[in-house]
PDB file of N, CA and C in Angstrom:
ATOM      1  N   MET A   1      23.269  89.964  25.452  1.00  0.00           N
ATOM      2  CA  MET A   1      24.622  90.298  24.987  1.00  0.00           C
ATOM      3  C   MET A   1      25.630  89.900  26.063  1.00  0.00           C
ATOM      4  N   PRO A   2      26.708  89.214  25.677  1.00  0.00           N
ATOM      5  CA  PRO A   2      27.723  88.815  26.661  1.00  0.00           C
ATOM      6  C   PRO A   2      28.446  90.032  27.235  1.00  0.00           C
ATOM      7  N   ALA A   3      29.036  89.841  28.410  1.00  0.00           N
ATOM      8  CA  ALA A   3      29.793  90.920  29.046  1.00  0.00           C
ATOM      9  C   ALA A   3      30.996  91.277  28.187  1.00  0.00           C
ATOM     10  N   PRO A   4      31.365  92.550  28.148  1.00  0.00           N
ATOM     11  CA  PRO A   4      32.556  92.958  27.378  1.00  0.00           C
ATOM     12  C   PRO A   4      33.800  92.222  27.871  1.00  0.00           C
ATOM     13  N   LEU A   5      34.692  91.936  26.939  1.00  0.00           N
ATOM     14  CA  LEU A   5      35.953  91.286  27.282  1.00  0.00           C
ATOM     15  C   LEU A   5      37.031  92.342  27.528  1.00  0.00           C
ATOM     16  N   PRO A   6      38.013  92.034  28.366  1.00  0.00           N
ATOM     17  CA  PRO A   6      39.128  92.965  28.550  1.00  0.00           C
ATOM     18  C   PRO A   6      39.939  93.101  27.256  1.00  0.00           C
ATOM     19  N   LYS A   7      40.677  94.183  27.179  1.00  0.00           N
ATOM     20  CA  LYS A   7      41.418  94.500  25.953  1.00  0.00           C
ATOM     21  C   LYS A   7      42.375  93.377  25.535  1.00  0.00           C
ATOM     22  N   HIS A   8      43.077  92.767  26.473  1.00  0.00           N
ATOM     23  CA  HIS A   8      44.032  91.712  26.109  1.00  0.00           C
ATOM     24  C   HIS A   8      43.314  90.519  25.469  1.00  0.00           C
ATOM     25  N   ALA A   9      42.104  90.205  25.902  1.00  0.00           N
ATOM     26  CA  ALA A   9      41.342  89.105  25.313  1.00  0.00           C
ATOM     27  C   ALA A   9      40.834  89.487  23.924  1.00  0.00           C
ATOM     28  N   ARG A  10      40.455  90.740  23.756  1.00  0.00           N
ATOM     29  CA  ARG A  10      40.003  91.201  22.439  1.00  0.00           C
ATOM     30  C   ARG A  10      41.162  91.206  21.452  1.00  0.00           C
ATOM     31  N   LEU A  11      42.338  91.619  21.902  1.00  0.00           N
ATOM     32  CA  LEU A  11      43.524  91.596  21.046  1.00  0.00           C
ATOM     33  C   LEU A  11      43.848  90.163  20.630  1.00  0.00           C
ATOM     34  N   ALA A  12      43.755  89.230  21.563  1.00  0.00           N
ATOM     35  CA  ALA A  12      44.008  87.827  21.242  1.00  0.00           C
ATOM     36  C   ALA A  12      43.005  87.322  20.199  1.00  0.00           C
ATOM     37  N   GLU A  13      41.744  87.700  20.328  1.00  0.00           N
ATOM     38  CA  GLU A  13      40.734  87.294  19.349  1.00  0.00           C
ATOM     39  C   GLU A  13      41.000  87.931  17.992  1.00  0.00           C
ATOM     40  N   PHE A  14      41.411  89.184  17.972  1.00  0.00           N
ATOM     41  CA  PHE A  14      41.783  89.866  16.727  1.00  0.00           C
ATOM     42  C   PHE A  14      42.891  89.096  16.017  1.00  0.00           C
ATOM     43  N   LEU A  15      43.937  88.729  16.739  1.00  0.00           N
ATOM     44  CA  LEU A  15      45.055  87.999  16.147  1.00  0.00           C
ATOM     45  C   LEU A  15      44.612  86.615  15.677  1.00  0.00           C
ATOM     46  N   HIS A  16      43.749  85.964  16.440  1.00  0.00           N
ATOM     47  CA  HIS A  16      43.229  84.652  16.040  1.00  0.00           C
ATOM     48  C   HIS A  16      42.467  84.759  14.717  1.00  0.00           C
ATOM     49  N   ARG A  17      41.628  85.758  14.586  1.00  0.00           N
ATOM     50  CA  ARG A  17      40.859  85.930  13.355  1.00  0.00           C
ATOM     51  C   ARG A  17      41.755  86.260  12.170  1.00  0.00           C
ATOM     52  N   LEU A  18      42.800  87.052  12.418  1.00  0.00           N
ATOM     53  CA  LEU A  18      43.749  87.333  11.333  1.00  0.00           C
ATOM     54  C   LEU A  18      44.452  86.058  10.887  1.00  0.00           C
ATOM     55  N   GLU A  19      44.802  85.220  11.857  1.00  0.00           N
ATOM     56  CA  GLU A  19      45.470  83.962  11.534  1.00  0.00           C
ATOM     57  C   GLU A  19      44.572  83.070  10.678  1.00  0.00           C
ATOM     58  N   GLN A  20      43.282  83.076  10.951  1.00  0.00           N
ATOM     59  CA  GLN A  20      42.326  82.230  10.233  1.00  0.00           C
ATOM     60  C   GLN A  20      41.941  82.793   8.854  1.00  0.00           C
ATOM     61  N   ALA A  21      42.142  84.075   8.651  1.00  0.00           N
ATOM     62  CA  ALA A  21      41.728  84.728   7.405  1.00  0.00           C
ATOM     63  C   ALA A  21      42.616  84.321   6.240  1.00  0.00           C
ATOM     64  N   LEU A  22      42.039  84.389   5.050  1.00  0.00           N
ATOM     65  CA  LEU A  22      42.828  84.172   3.843  1.00  0.00           C
ATOM     66  C   LEU A  22      43.853  85.285   3.704  1.00  0.00           C
ATOM     67  N   PRO A  23      45.012  84.998   3.125  1.00  0.00           N
ATOM     68  CA  PRO A  23      46.021  86.044   2.937  1.00  0.00           C
ATOM     69  C   PRO A  23      45.535  87.117   1.961  1.00  0.00           C
ATOM     70  N   ALA A  24      46.057  88.297   2.136  1.00  0.00           N
ATOM     71  CA  ALA A  24      45.722  89.421   1.264  1.00  0.00           C
ATOM     72  C   ALA A  24      46.626  89.408   0.038  1.00  0.00           C
ATOM     73  N   ALA A  25      46.126  89.993  -1.054  1.00  0.00           N
ATOM     74  CA  ALA A  25      46.864  90.004  -2.315  1.00  0.00           C
ATOM     75  C   ALA A  25      47.649  91.289  -2.537  1.00  0.00           C
ATOM     76  N   ASP A  26      47.294  92.358  -1.816  1.00  0.00           N
ATOM     77  CA  ASP A  26      47.951  93.642  -2.030  1.00  0.00           C
ATOM     78  C   ASP A  26      47.769  94.522  -0.789  1.00  0.00           C
ATOM     79  N   PHE A  27      48.378  95.698  -0.849  1.00  0.00           N
ATOM     80  CA  PHE A  27      48.325  96.607   0.298  1.00  0.00           C
ATOM     81  C   PHE A  27      46.894  96.941   0.696  1.00  0.00           C
ATOM     82  N   ALA A  28      46.062  97.308  -0.282  1.00  0.00           N
ATOM     83  CA  ALA A  28      44.691  97.732   0.019  1.00  0.00           C
ATOM     84  C   ALA A  28      43.886  96.620   0.680  1.00  0.00           C
ATOM     85  N   SER A  29      44.028  95.391   0.196  1.00  0.00           N
ATOM     86  CA  SER A  29      43.256  94.307   0.796  1.00  0.00           C
ATOM     87  C   SER A  29      43.798  93.934   2.179  1.00  0.00           C
ATOM     88  N   ALA A  30      45.099  94.069   2.395  1.00  0.00           N
ATOM     89  CA  ALA A  30      45.669  93.829   3.733  1.00  0.00           C
ATOM     90  C   ALA A  30      45.160  94.880   4.713  1.00  0.00           C
ATOM     91  N   ARG A  31      45.174  96.127   4.292  1.00  0.00           N
ATOM     92  CA  ARG A  31      44.676  97.212   5.155  1.00  0.00           C
ATOM     93  C   ARG A  31      43.197  97.000   5.478  1.00  0.00           C
ATOM     94  N   SER A  32      42.430  96.592   4.499  1.00  0.00           N
ATOM     95  CA  SER A  32      41.011  96.327   4.709  1.00  0.00           C
ATOM     96  C   SER A  32      40.810  95.158   5.675  1.00  0.00           C
ATOM     97  N   LEU A  33      41.594  94.102   5.515  1.00  0.00           N
ATOM     98  CA  LEU A  33      41.512  92.958   6.411  1.00  0.00           C
ATOM     99  C   LEU A  33      41.797  93.373   7.850  1.00  0.00           C
ATOM    100  N   LEU A  34      42.842  94.131   8.054  1.00  0.00           N
ATOM    101  CA  LEU A  34      43.191  94.612   9.390  1.00  0.00           C
ATOM    102  C   LEU A  34      42.071  95.462   9.977  1.00  0.00           C
ATOM    103  N   ASP A  35      41.594  96.430   9.214  1.00  0.00           N
ATOM    104  CA  ASP A  35      40.562  97.354   9.716  1.00  0.00           C
ATOM    105  C   ASP A  35      39.248  96.637   9.996  1.00  0.00           C
ATOM    106  N   GLN A  36      38.778  95.838   9.043  1.00  0.00           N
ATOM    107  CA  GLN A  36      37.492  95.168   9.205  1.00  0.00           C
ATOM    108  C   GLN A  36      37.518  94.139  10.326  1.00  0.00           C
ATOM    109  N   THR A  37      38.626  93.433  10.462  1.00  0.00           N
ATOM    110  CA  THR A  37      38.728  92.432  11.529  1.00  0.00           C
ATOM    111  C   THR A  37      38.736  93.095  12.897  1.00  0.00           C
ATOM    112  N   LEU A  38      39.507  94.165  13.044  1.00  0.00           N
ATOM    113  CA  LEU A  38      39.539  94.845  14.332  1.00  0.00           C
ATOM    114  C   LEU A  38      38.174  95.432  14.674  1.00  0.00           C
ATOM    115  N   ASN A  39      37.533  96.073  13.719  1.00  0.00           N
ATOM    116  CA  ASN A  39      36.217  96.654  13.990  1.00  0.00           C
ATOM    117  C   ASN A  39      35.186  95.583  14.341  1.00  0.00           C
ATOM    118  N   ALA A  40      35.236  94.435  13.677  1.00  0.00           N
ATOM    119  CA  ALA A  40      34.300  93.350  13.986  1.00  0.00           C
ATOM    120  C   ALA A  40      34.503  92.841  15.412  1.00  0.00           C
ATOM    121  N   VAL A  41      35.755  92.630  15.805  1.00  0.00           N
ATOM    122  CA  VAL A  41      36.050  92.174  17.164  1.00  0.00           C
ATOM    123  C   VAL A  41      35.554  93.200  18.185  1.00  0.00           C
ATOM    124  N   GLU A  42      35.862  94.451  17.958  1.00  0.00           N
ATOM    125  CA  GLU A  42      35.466  95.481  18.913  1.00  0.00           C
ATOM    126  C   GLU A  42      33.945  95.664  18.955  1.00  0.00           C
ATOM    127  N   ASP A  43      33.275  95.584  17.797  1.00  0.00           N
ATOM    128  CA  ASP A  43      31.809  95.683  17.777  1.00  0.00           C
ATOM    129  C   ASP A  43      31.182  94.552  18.576  1.00  0.00           C
ATOM    130  N   GLU A  44      31.731  93.353  18.465  1.00  0.00           N
ATOM    131  CA  GLU A  44      31.172  92.185  19.128  1.00  0.00           C
ATOM    132  C   GLU A  44      31.555  92.052  20.591  1.00  0.00           C
ATOM    133  N   LEU A  45      32.768  92.465  20.955  1.00  0.00           N
ATOM    134  CA  LEU A  45      33.304  92.081  22.259  1.00  0.00           C
ATOM    135  C   LEU A  45      33.682  93.213  23.213  1.00  0.00           C
ATOM    136  N   SER A  46      33.697  94.452  22.739  1.00  0.00           N
ATOM    137  CA  SER A  46      34.158  95.537  23.614  1.00  0.00           C
ATOM    138  C   SER A  46      33.043  96.181  24.425  1.00  0.00           C
ATOM    139  N   GLY A  47      31.822  96.185  23.889  1.00  0.00           N
ATOM    140  CA  GLY A  47      30.729  96.900  24.543  1.00  0.00           C
ATOM    141  C   GLY A  47      30.815  98.402  24.364  1.00  0.00           C
ATOM    142  N   VAL A  48      31.727  98.860  23.508  1.00  0.00           N
ATOM    143  CA  VAL A  48      31.932 100.294  23.293  1.00  0.00           C
ATOM    144  C   VAL A  48      31.518 100.633  21.865  1.00  0.00           C
ATOM    145  N   PRO A  49      30.612 101.596  21.678  1.00  0.00           N
ATOM    146  CA  PRO A  49      30.214 101.982  20.323  1.00  0.00           C
ATOM    147  C   PRO A  49      31.383 102.581  19.540  1.00  0.00           C
ATOM    148  N   PHE A  50      31.297 102.481  18.227  1.00  0.00           N
ATOM    149  CA  PHE A  50      32.322 103.003  17.327  1.00  0.00           C
ATOM    150  C   PHE A  50      32.220 104.524  17.252  1.00  0.00           C
ATOM    151  N   HIS A  51      33.160 105.209  17.888  1.00  0.00           N
ATOM    152  CA  HIS A  51      33.269 106.669  17.854  1.00  0.00           C
ATOM    153  C   HIS A  51      34.757 107.011  17.800  1.00  0.00           C
ATOM    154  N   PRO A  52      35.350 106.984  16.606  1.00  0.00           N
ATOM    155  CA  PRO A  52      36.801 107.187  16.502  1.00  0.00           C
ATOM    156  C   PRO A  52      37.318 108.466  17.149  1.00  0.00           C
ATOM    157  N   GLU A  53      36.482 109.492  17.215  1.00  0.00           N
ATOM    158  CA  GLU A  53      36.930 110.739  17.849  1.00  0.00           C
ATOM    159  C   GLU A  53      37.163 110.566  19.350  1.00  0.00           C
ATOM    160  N   SER A  54      36.690 109.472  19.935  1.00  0.00           N
ATOM    161  CA  SER A  54      36.859 109.215  21.372  1.00  0.00           C
ATOM    162  C   SER A  54      37.953 108.192  21.663  1.00  0.00           C
ATOM    163  N   TRP A  55      38.831 107.938  20.699  1.00  0.00           N
ATOM    164  CA  TRP A  55      39.815 106.865  20.827  1.00  0.00           C
ATOM    165  C   TRP A  55      40.707 106.978  22.052  1.00  0.00           C
ATOM    166  N   ARG A  56      40.917 108.161  22.540  1.00  0.00           N
ATOM    167  CA  ARG A  56      41.819 108.335  23.688  1.00  0.00           C
ATOM    168  C   ARG A  56      41.186 107.935  25.013  1.00  0.00           C
ATOM    169  N   THR A  57      39.876 107.931  25.066  1.00  0.00           N
ATOM    170  CA  THR A  57      39.215 107.766  26.369  1.00  0.00           C
ATOM    171  C   THR A  57      38.209 106.632  26.460  1.00  0.00           C
ATOM    172  N   ASP A  58      37.778 106.051  25.349  1.00  0.00           N
ATOM    173  CA  ASP A  58      36.659 105.110  25.445  1.00  0.00           C
ATOM    174  C   ASP A  58      37.059 103.646  25.657  1.00  0.00           C
ATOM    175  N   GLY A  59      38.347 103.304  25.561  1.00  0.00           N
ATOM    176  CA  GLY A  59      38.792 101.942  25.820  1.00  0.00           C
ATOM    177  C   GLY A  59      38.648 100.990  24.652  1.00  0.00           C
ATOM    178  N   ARG A  60      38.116 101.458  23.543  1.00  0.00           N
ATOM    179  CA  ARG A  60      37.969 100.625  22.357  1.00  0.00           C
ATOM    180  C   ARG A  60      39.247 100.700  21.529  1.00  0.00           C
ATOM    181  N   MET A  61      39.592  99.616  20.861  1.00  0.00           N
ATOM    182  CA  MET A  61      40.713  99.639  19.917  1.00  0.00           C
ATOM    183  C   MET A  61      40.166 100.042  18.554  1.00  0.00           C
ATOM    184  N   TYR A  62      40.898 100.916  17.860  1.00  0.00           N
ATOM    185  CA  TYR A  62      40.497 101.404  16.546  1.00  0.00           C
ATOM    186  C   TYR A  62      41.588 101.110  15.532  1.00  0.00           C
ATOM    187  N   PRO A  63      41.203 100.954  14.260  1.00  0.00           N
ATOM    188  CA  PRO A  63      42.225 100.816  13.217  1.00  0.00           C
ATOM    189  C   PRO A  63      43.100 102.074  13.146  1.00  0.00           C
ATOM    190  N   VAL A  64      44.240 101.920  12.523  1.00  0.00           N
ATOM    191  CA  VAL A  64      45.141 103.057  12.328  1.00  0.00           C
ATOM    192  C   VAL A  64      44.393 104.148  11.570  1.00  0.00           C
ATOM    193  N   GLN A  65      44.473 105.344  12.087  1.00  0.00           N
ATOM    194  CA  GLN A  65      43.781 106.476  11.482  1.00  0.00           C
ATOM    195  C   GLN A  65      44.489 106.917  10.200  1.00  0.00           C
ATOM    196  N   ASP A  66      43.708 107.407   9.253  1.00  0.00           N
ATOM    197  CA  ASP A  66      44.294 107.941   8.023  1.00  0.00           C
ATOM    198  C   ASP A  66      45.321 109.009   8.390  1.00  0.00           C
ATOM    199  N   GLY A  67      46.398 109.031   7.671  1.00  0.00           N
ATOM    200  CA  GLY A  67      47.457 109.994   7.934  1.00  0.00           C
ATOM    201  C   GLY A  67      48.528 109.458   8.871  1.00  0.00           C
ATOM    202  N   ASN A  68      48.301 108.273   9.455  1.00  0.00           N
ATOM    203  CA  ASN A  68      49.299 107.678  10.337  1.00  0.00           C
ATOM    204  C   ASN A  68      50.046 106.544   9.653  1.00  0.00           C
ATOM    205  N   ASP A  69      50.208 106.662   8.350  1.00  0.00           N
ATOM    206  CA  ASP A  69      51.067 105.696   7.671  1.00  0.00           C
ATOM    207  C   ASP A  69      52.285 106.428   7.126  1.00  0.00           C
ATOM    208  N   ARG A  70      53.377 105.724   7.147  1.00  0.00           N
ATOM    209  CA  ARG A  70      54.662 106.318   6.783  1.00  0.00           C
ATOM    210  C   ARG A  70      55.397 105.384   5.826  1.00  0.00           C
ATOM    211  N   SER A  71      56.317 105.950   5.088  1.00  0.00           N
ATOM    212  CA  SER A  71      57.205 105.133   4.264  1.00  0.00           C
ATOM    213  C   SER A  71      58.257 104.493   5.167  1.00  0.00           C
ATOM    214  N   VAL A  72      58.915 103.473   4.650  1.00  0.00           N
ATOM    215  CA  VAL A  72      59.998 102.808   5.373  1.00  0.00           C
ATOM    216  C   VAL A  72      61.265 103.039   4.557  1.00  0.00           C
ATOM    217  N   PRO A  73      62.240 103.762   5.090  1.00  0.00           N
ATOM    218  CA  PRO A  73      63.451 104.059   4.332  1.00  0.00           C
ATOM    219  C   PRO A  73      64.099 102.793   3.763  1.00  0.00           C
ATOM    220  N   GLY A  74      64.395 102.845   2.470  1.00  0.00           N
ATOM    221  CA  GLY A  74      65.039 101.731   1.811  1.00  0.00           C
ATOM    222  C   GLY A  74      64.095 100.621   1.378  1.00  0.00           C
ATOM    223  N   HIS A  75      62.804 100.764   1.681  1.00  0.00           N
ATOM    224  CA  HIS A  75      61.812  99.738   1.343  1.00  0.00           C
ATOM    225  C   HIS A  75      60.580 100.414   0.742  1.00  0.00           C
ATOM    226  N   PRO A  76      60.656 100.798  -0.534  1.00  0.00           N
ATOM    227  CA  PRO A  76      59.560 101.552  -1.146  1.00  0.00           C
ATOM    228  C   PRO A  76      58.244 100.782  -1.265  1.00  0.00           C
ATOM    229  N   ASN A  77      58.271  99.465  -1.116  1.00  0.00           N
ATOM    230  CA  ASN A  77      57.046  98.673  -1.228  1.00  0.00           C
ATOM    231  C   ASN A  77      56.419  98.331   0.118  1.00  0.00           C
ATOM    232  N   ILE A  78      56.901  98.981   1.172  1.00  0.00           N
ATOM    233  CA  ILE A  78      56.373  98.728   2.519  1.00  0.00           C
ATOM    234  C   ILE A  78      55.917 100.044   3.128  1.00  0.00           C
ATOM    235  N   ARG A  79      54.757 100.002   3.785  1.00  0.00           N
ATOM    236  CA  ARG A  79      54.237 101.154   4.538  1.00  0.00           C
ATOM    237  C   ARG A  79      54.196 100.780   6.013  1.00  0.00           C
ATOM    238  N   ARG A  80      54.444 101.753   6.859  1.00  0.00           N
ATOM    239  CA  ARG A  80      54.416 101.566   8.306  1.00  0.00           C
ATOM    240  C   ARG A  80      53.177 102.276   8.842  1.00  0.00           C
ATOM    241  N   LEU A  81      52.278 101.533   9.485  1.00  0.00           N
ATOM    242  CA  LEU A  81      51.067 102.084  10.069  1.00  0.00           C
ATOM    243  C   LEU A  81      51.283 102.206  11.574  1.00  0.00           C
ATOM    244  N   VAL A  82      51.121 103.395  12.101  1.00  0.00           N
ATOM    245  CA  VAL A  82      51.447 103.661  13.493  1.00  0.00           C
ATOM    246  C   VAL A  82      50.173 103.867  14.308  1.00  0.00           C
ATOM    247  N   SER A  83      50.026 103.077  15.375  1.00  0.00           N
ATOM    248  CA  SER A  83      48.899 103.234  16.296  1.00  0.00           C
ATOM    249  C   SER A  83      49.446 103.457  17.704  1.00  0.00           C
ATOM    250  N   VAL A  84      48.559 103.502  18.675  1.00  0.00           N
ATOM    251  CA  VAL A  84      48.974 103.805  20.042  1.00  0.00           C
ATOM    252  C   VAL A  84      49.997 102.807  20.573  1.00  0.00           C
ATOM    253  N   GLY A  85      49.723 101.515  20.447  1.00  0.00           N
ATOM    254  CA  GLY A  85      50.609 100.529  21.044  1.00  0.00           C
ATOM    255  C   GLY A  85      51.368  99.654  20.084  1.00  0.00           C
ATOM    256  N   HIS A  86      51.108  99.820  18.783  1.00  0.00           N
ATOM    257  CA  HIS A  86      51.709  98.930  17.797  1.00  0.00           C
ATOM    258  C   HIS A  86      52.153  99.677  16.546  1.00  0.00           C
ATOM    259  N   VAL A  87      53.071  99.045  15.842  1.00  0.00           N
ATOM    260  CA  VAL A  87      53.477  99.488  14.509  1.00  0.00           C
ATOM    261  C   VAL A  87      53.206  98.304  13.594  1.00  0.00           C
ATOM    262  N   THR A  88      52.477  98.538  12.521  1.00  0.00           N
ATOM    263  CA  THR A  88      52.151  97.479  11.573  1.00  0.00           C
ATOM    264  C   THR A  88      52.807  97.805  10.241  1.00  0.00           C
ATOM    265  N   TYR A  89      53.587  96.855   9.740  1.00  0.00           N
ATOM    266  CA  TYR A  89      54.244  97.006   8.448  1.00  0.00           C
ATOM    267  C   TYR A  89      53.428  96.222   7.424  1.00  0.00           C
ATOM    268  N   VAL A  90      53.071  96.881   6.325  1.00  0.00           N
ATOM    269  CA  VAL A  90      52.270  96.245   5.282  1.00  0.00           C
ATOM    270  C   VAL A  90      52.999  96.394   3.956  1.00  0.00           C
ATOM    271  N   ALA A  91      53.194  95.267   3.278  1.00  0.00           N
ATOM    272  CA  ALA A  91      53.890  95.270   1.986  1.00  0.00           C
ATOM    273  C   ALA A  91      52.880  95.289   0.844  1.00  0.00           C
ATOM    274  N   GLU A  92      53.372  95.670  -0.319  1.00  0.00           N
ATOM    275  CA  GLU A  92      52.523  95.709  -1.517  1.00  0.00           C
ATOM    276  C   GLU A  92      51.971  94.337  -1.885  1.00  0.00           C
ATOM    277  N   ASN A  93      52.605  93.256  -1.442  1.00  0.00           N
ATOM    278  CA  ASN A  93      52.122  91.912  -1.754  1.00  0.00           C
ATOM    279  C   ASN A  93      51.020  91.440  -0.801  1.00  0.00           C
ATOM    280  N   GLY A  94      50.613  92.297   0.141  1.00  0.00           N
ATOM    281  CA  GLY A  94      49.559  91.952   1.090  1.00  0.00           C
ATOM    282  C   GLY A  94      50.057  91.378   2.402  1.00  0.00           C
ATOM    283  N   ALA A  95      51.351  91.110   2.504  1.00  0.00           N
ATOM    284  CA  ALA A  95      51.916  90.611   3.760  1.00  0.00           C
ATOM    285  C   ALA A  95      51.904  91.732   4.796  1.00  0.00           C
ATOM    286  N   PHE A  96      51.782  91.340   6.064  1.00  0.00           N
ATOM    287  CA  PHE A  96      51.884  92.342   7.122  1.00  0.00           C
ATOM    288  C   PHE A  96      52.435  91.712   8.392  1.00  0.00           C
ATOM    289  N   GLU A  97      53.003  92.563   9.217  1.00  0.00           N
ATOM    290  CA  GLU A  97      53.420  92.150  10.548  1.00  0.00           C
ATOM    291  C   GLU A  97      53.098  93.252  11.530  1.00  0.00           C
ATOM    292  N   ILE A  98      52.699  92.825  12.715  1.00  0.00           N
ATOM    293  CA  ILE A  98      52.336  93.747  13.790  1.00  0.00           C
ATOM    294  C   ILE A  98      53.421  93.634  14.847  1.00  0.00           C
ATOM    295  N   ARG A  99      53.961  94.775  15.242  1.00  0.00           N
ATOM    296  CA  ARG A  99      55.016  94.815  16.251  1.00  0.00           C
ATOM    297  C   ARG A  99      54.604  95.722  17.402  1.00  0.00           C
ATOM    298  N   ALA A 100      54.954  95.323  18.615  1.00  0.00           N
ATOM    299  CA  ALA A 100      54.674  96.128  19.800  1.00  0.00           C
ATOM    300  C   ALA A 100      55.623  97.313  19.840  1.00  0.00           C
ATOM    301  N   LYS A 101      55.123  98.442  20.320  1.00  0.00           N
ATOM    302  CA  LYS A 101      55.987  99.608  20.513  1.00  0.00           C
ATOM    303  C   LYS A 101      56.697  99.426  21.846  1.00  0.00           C
ATOM    304  N   ASP A 102      57.827  98.733  21.810  1.00  0.00           N
ATOM    305  CA  ASP A 102      58.534  98.435  23.056  1.00  0.00           C
ATOM    306  C   ASP A 102      59.961  98.961  23.083  1.00  0.00           C
ATOM    307  N   GLY A 103      60.338  99.713  22.068  1.00  0.00           N
ATOM    308  CA  GLY A 103      61.687 100.264  22.037  1.00  0.00           C
ATOM    309  C   GLY A 103      62.700  99.391  21.331  1.00  0.00           C
ATOM    310  N   THR A 104      62.361  98.142  21.028  1.00  0.00           N
ATOM    311  CA  THR A 104      63.256  97.249  20.308  1.00  0.00           C
ATOM    312  C   THR A 104      63.417  97.740  18.874  1.00  0.00           C
ATOM    313  N   VAL A 105      64.632  97.711  18.368  1.00  0.00           N
ATOM    314  CA  VAL A 105      64.870  98.100  16.976  1.00  0.00           C
ATOM    315  C   VAL A 105      65.652  96.985  16.303  1.00  0.00           C
ATOM    316  N   GLU A 106      65.155  96.538  15.156  1.00  0.00           N
ATOM    317  CA  GLU A 106      65.783  95.462  14.393  1.00  0.00           C
ATOM    318  C   GLU A 106      65.843  95.923  12.941  1.00  0.00           C
ATOM    319  N   GLY A 107      66.946  96.518  12.537  1.00  0.00           N
ATOM    320  CA  GLY A 107      67.034  97.084  11.191  1.00  0.00           C
ATOM    321  C   GLY A 107      66.043  98.219  11.045  1.00  0.00           C
ATOM    322  N   ASN A 108      65.193  98.142  10.031  1.00  0.00           N
ATOM    323  CA  ASN A 108      64.153  99.156   9.827  1.00  0.00           C
ATOM    324  C   ASN A 108      62.902  98.854  10.641  1.00  0.00           C
ATOM    325  N   ARG A 109      62.907  97.789  11.416  1.00  0.00           N
ATOM    326  CA  ARG A 109      61.726  97.358  12.156  1.00  0.00           C
ATOM    327  C   ARG A 109      61.805  97.817  13.598  1.00  0.00           C
ATOM    328  N   VAL A 110      60.738  98.420  14.043  1.00  0.00           N
ATOM    329  CA  VAL A 110      60.666  98.895  15.418  1.00  0.00           C
ATOM    330  C   VAL A 110      59.714  97.996  16.183  1.00  0.00           C
ATOM    331  N   GLY A 111      60.112  97.494  17.339  1.00  0.00           N
ATOM    332  CA  GLY A 111      59.231  96.732  18.203  1.00  0.00           C
ATOM    333  C   GLY A 111      59.350  95.234  18.067  1.00  0.00           C
ATOM    334  N   MET A 112      58.954  94.549  19.142  1.00  0.00           N
ATOM    335  CA  MET A 112      58.954  93.098  19.179  1.00  0.00           C
ATOM    336  C   MET A 112      57.808  92.561  18.314  1.00  0.00           C
ATOM    337  N   LEU A 113      58.078  91.513  17.550  1.00  0.00           N
ATOM    338  CA  LEU A 113      57.071  90.927  16.678  1.00  0.00           C
ATOM    339  C   LEU A 113      55.937  90.326  17.487  1.00  0.00           C
ATOM    340  N   VAL A 114      54.699  90.709  17.153  1.00  0.00           N
ATOM    341  CA  VAL A 114      53.498  90.190  17.785  1.00  0.00           C
ATOM    342  C   VAL A 114      52.805  89.196  16.862  1.00  0.00           C
ATOM    343  N   PHE A 115      52.768  89.511  15.561  1.00  0.00           N
ATOM    344  CA  PHE A 115      52.036  88.680  14.605  1.00  0.00           C
ATOM    345  C   PHE A 115      52.564  88.964  13.203  1.00  0.00           C
ATOM    346  N   ALA A 116      52.643  87.938  12.376  1.00  0.00           N
ATOM    347  CA  ALA A 116      53.042  88.120  10.977  1.00  0.00           C
ATOM    348  C   ALA A 116      52.186  87.230  10.091  1.00  0.00           C
ATOM    349  N   LYS A 117      51.819  87.746   8.931  1.00  0.00           N
ATOM    350  CA  LYS A 117      51.039  86.982   7.956  1.00  0.00           C
ATOM    351  C   LYS A 117      51.622  87.255   6.575  1.00  0.00           C
ATOM    352  N   PRO A 118      51.974  86.192   5.848  1.00  0.00           N
ATOM    353  CA  PRO A 118      52.478  86.403   4.493  1.00  0.00           C
ATOM    354  C   PRO A 118      51.362  86.858   3.561  1.00  0.00           C
ATOM    355  N   GLY A 119      51.760  87.396   2.438  1.00  0.00           N
ATOM    356  CA  GLY A 119      50.794  87.782   1.416  1.00  0.00           C
ATOM    357  C   GLY A 119      50.295  86.556   0.671  1.00  0.00           C
ATOM    358  N   GLU A 120      49.384  86.791  -0.236  1.00  0.00           N
ATOM    359  CA  GLU A 120      48.797  85.708  -1.020  1.00  0.00           C
ATOM    360  C   GLU A 120      49.854  84.926  -1.807  1.00  0.00           C
ATOM    361  N   ASN A 121      50.966  85.602  -2.146  1.00  0.00           N
ATOM    362  CA  ASN A 121      52.040  84.942  -2.885  1.00  0.00           C
ATOM    363  C   ASN A 121      52.969  84.124  -1.987  1.00  0.00           C
ATOM    364  N   GLY A 122      52.670  84.066  -0.683  1.00  0.00           N
ATOM    365  CA  GLY A 122      53.463  83.268   0.251  1.00  0.00           C
ATOM    366  C   GLY A 122      54.675  83.976   0.821  1.00  0.00           C
ATOM    367  N   LYS A 123      54.944  85.192   0.371  1.00  0.00           N
ATOM    368  CA  LYS A 123      56.113  85.932   0.851  1.00  0.00           C
ATOM    369  C   LYS A 123      55.739  86.854   1.996  1.00  0.00           C
ATOM    370  N   GLY A 124      56.715  87.065   2.896  1.00  0.00           N
ATOM    371  CA  GLY A 124      56.524  87.948   4.026  1.00  0.00           C
ATOM    372  C   GLY A 124      56.784  89.395   3.674  1.00  0.00           C
ATOM    373  N   VAL A 125      56.639  90.250   4.649  1.00  0.00           N
ATOM    374  CA  VAL A 125      56.820  91.688   4.452  1.00  0.00           C
ATOM    375  C   VAL A 125      58.197  92.019   3.903  1.00  0.00           C
ATOM    376  N   TRP A 126      59.238  91.408   4.436  1.00  0.00           N
ATOM    377  CA  TRP A 126      60.615  91.784   4.122  1.00  0.00           C
ATOM    378  C   TRP A 126      61.239  90.930   3.029  1.00  0.00           C
ATOM    379  N   ASP A 127      60.467  89.952   2.495  1.00  0.00           N
ATOM    380  CA  ASP A 127      60.979  89.113   1.410  1.00  0.00           C
ATOM    381  C   ASP A 127      60.969  89.903   0.107  1.00  0.00           C
ATOM    382  N   ASP A 128      61.999  89.714  -0.693  1.00  0.00           N
ATOM    383  CA  ASP A 128      62.070  90.408  -1.996  1.00  0.00           C
ATOM    384  C   ASP A 128      61.374  89.626  -3.076  1.00  0.00           C
TER     385      ASP A 128
END
């Protein structure tokens, strides 16, 4: 088994795999794509077993926990998924964008853009 990679390298691989993946068609498939891709990267490259109850101390990245999704005021078709270092906006069309929690605010969007993927229909999160 190869040596575990540092978190920044695992995050880069996660984003690379998302970029290569087919677009999602709806919220559920986008959420599944995000969760399954992150878990696959961490299973392969972190060296840390999957124990979500240890998320604060084990150094592994975990998908957004249930209950950490919020509505976005004025955008009923978008959900905001909140994790330790990122906010991910997911639209009903399967589009999503990942933003860093850095204090930047742009309209209803919090954080600097890290990654964006349109939905299967070619539209982004904020496109009508």
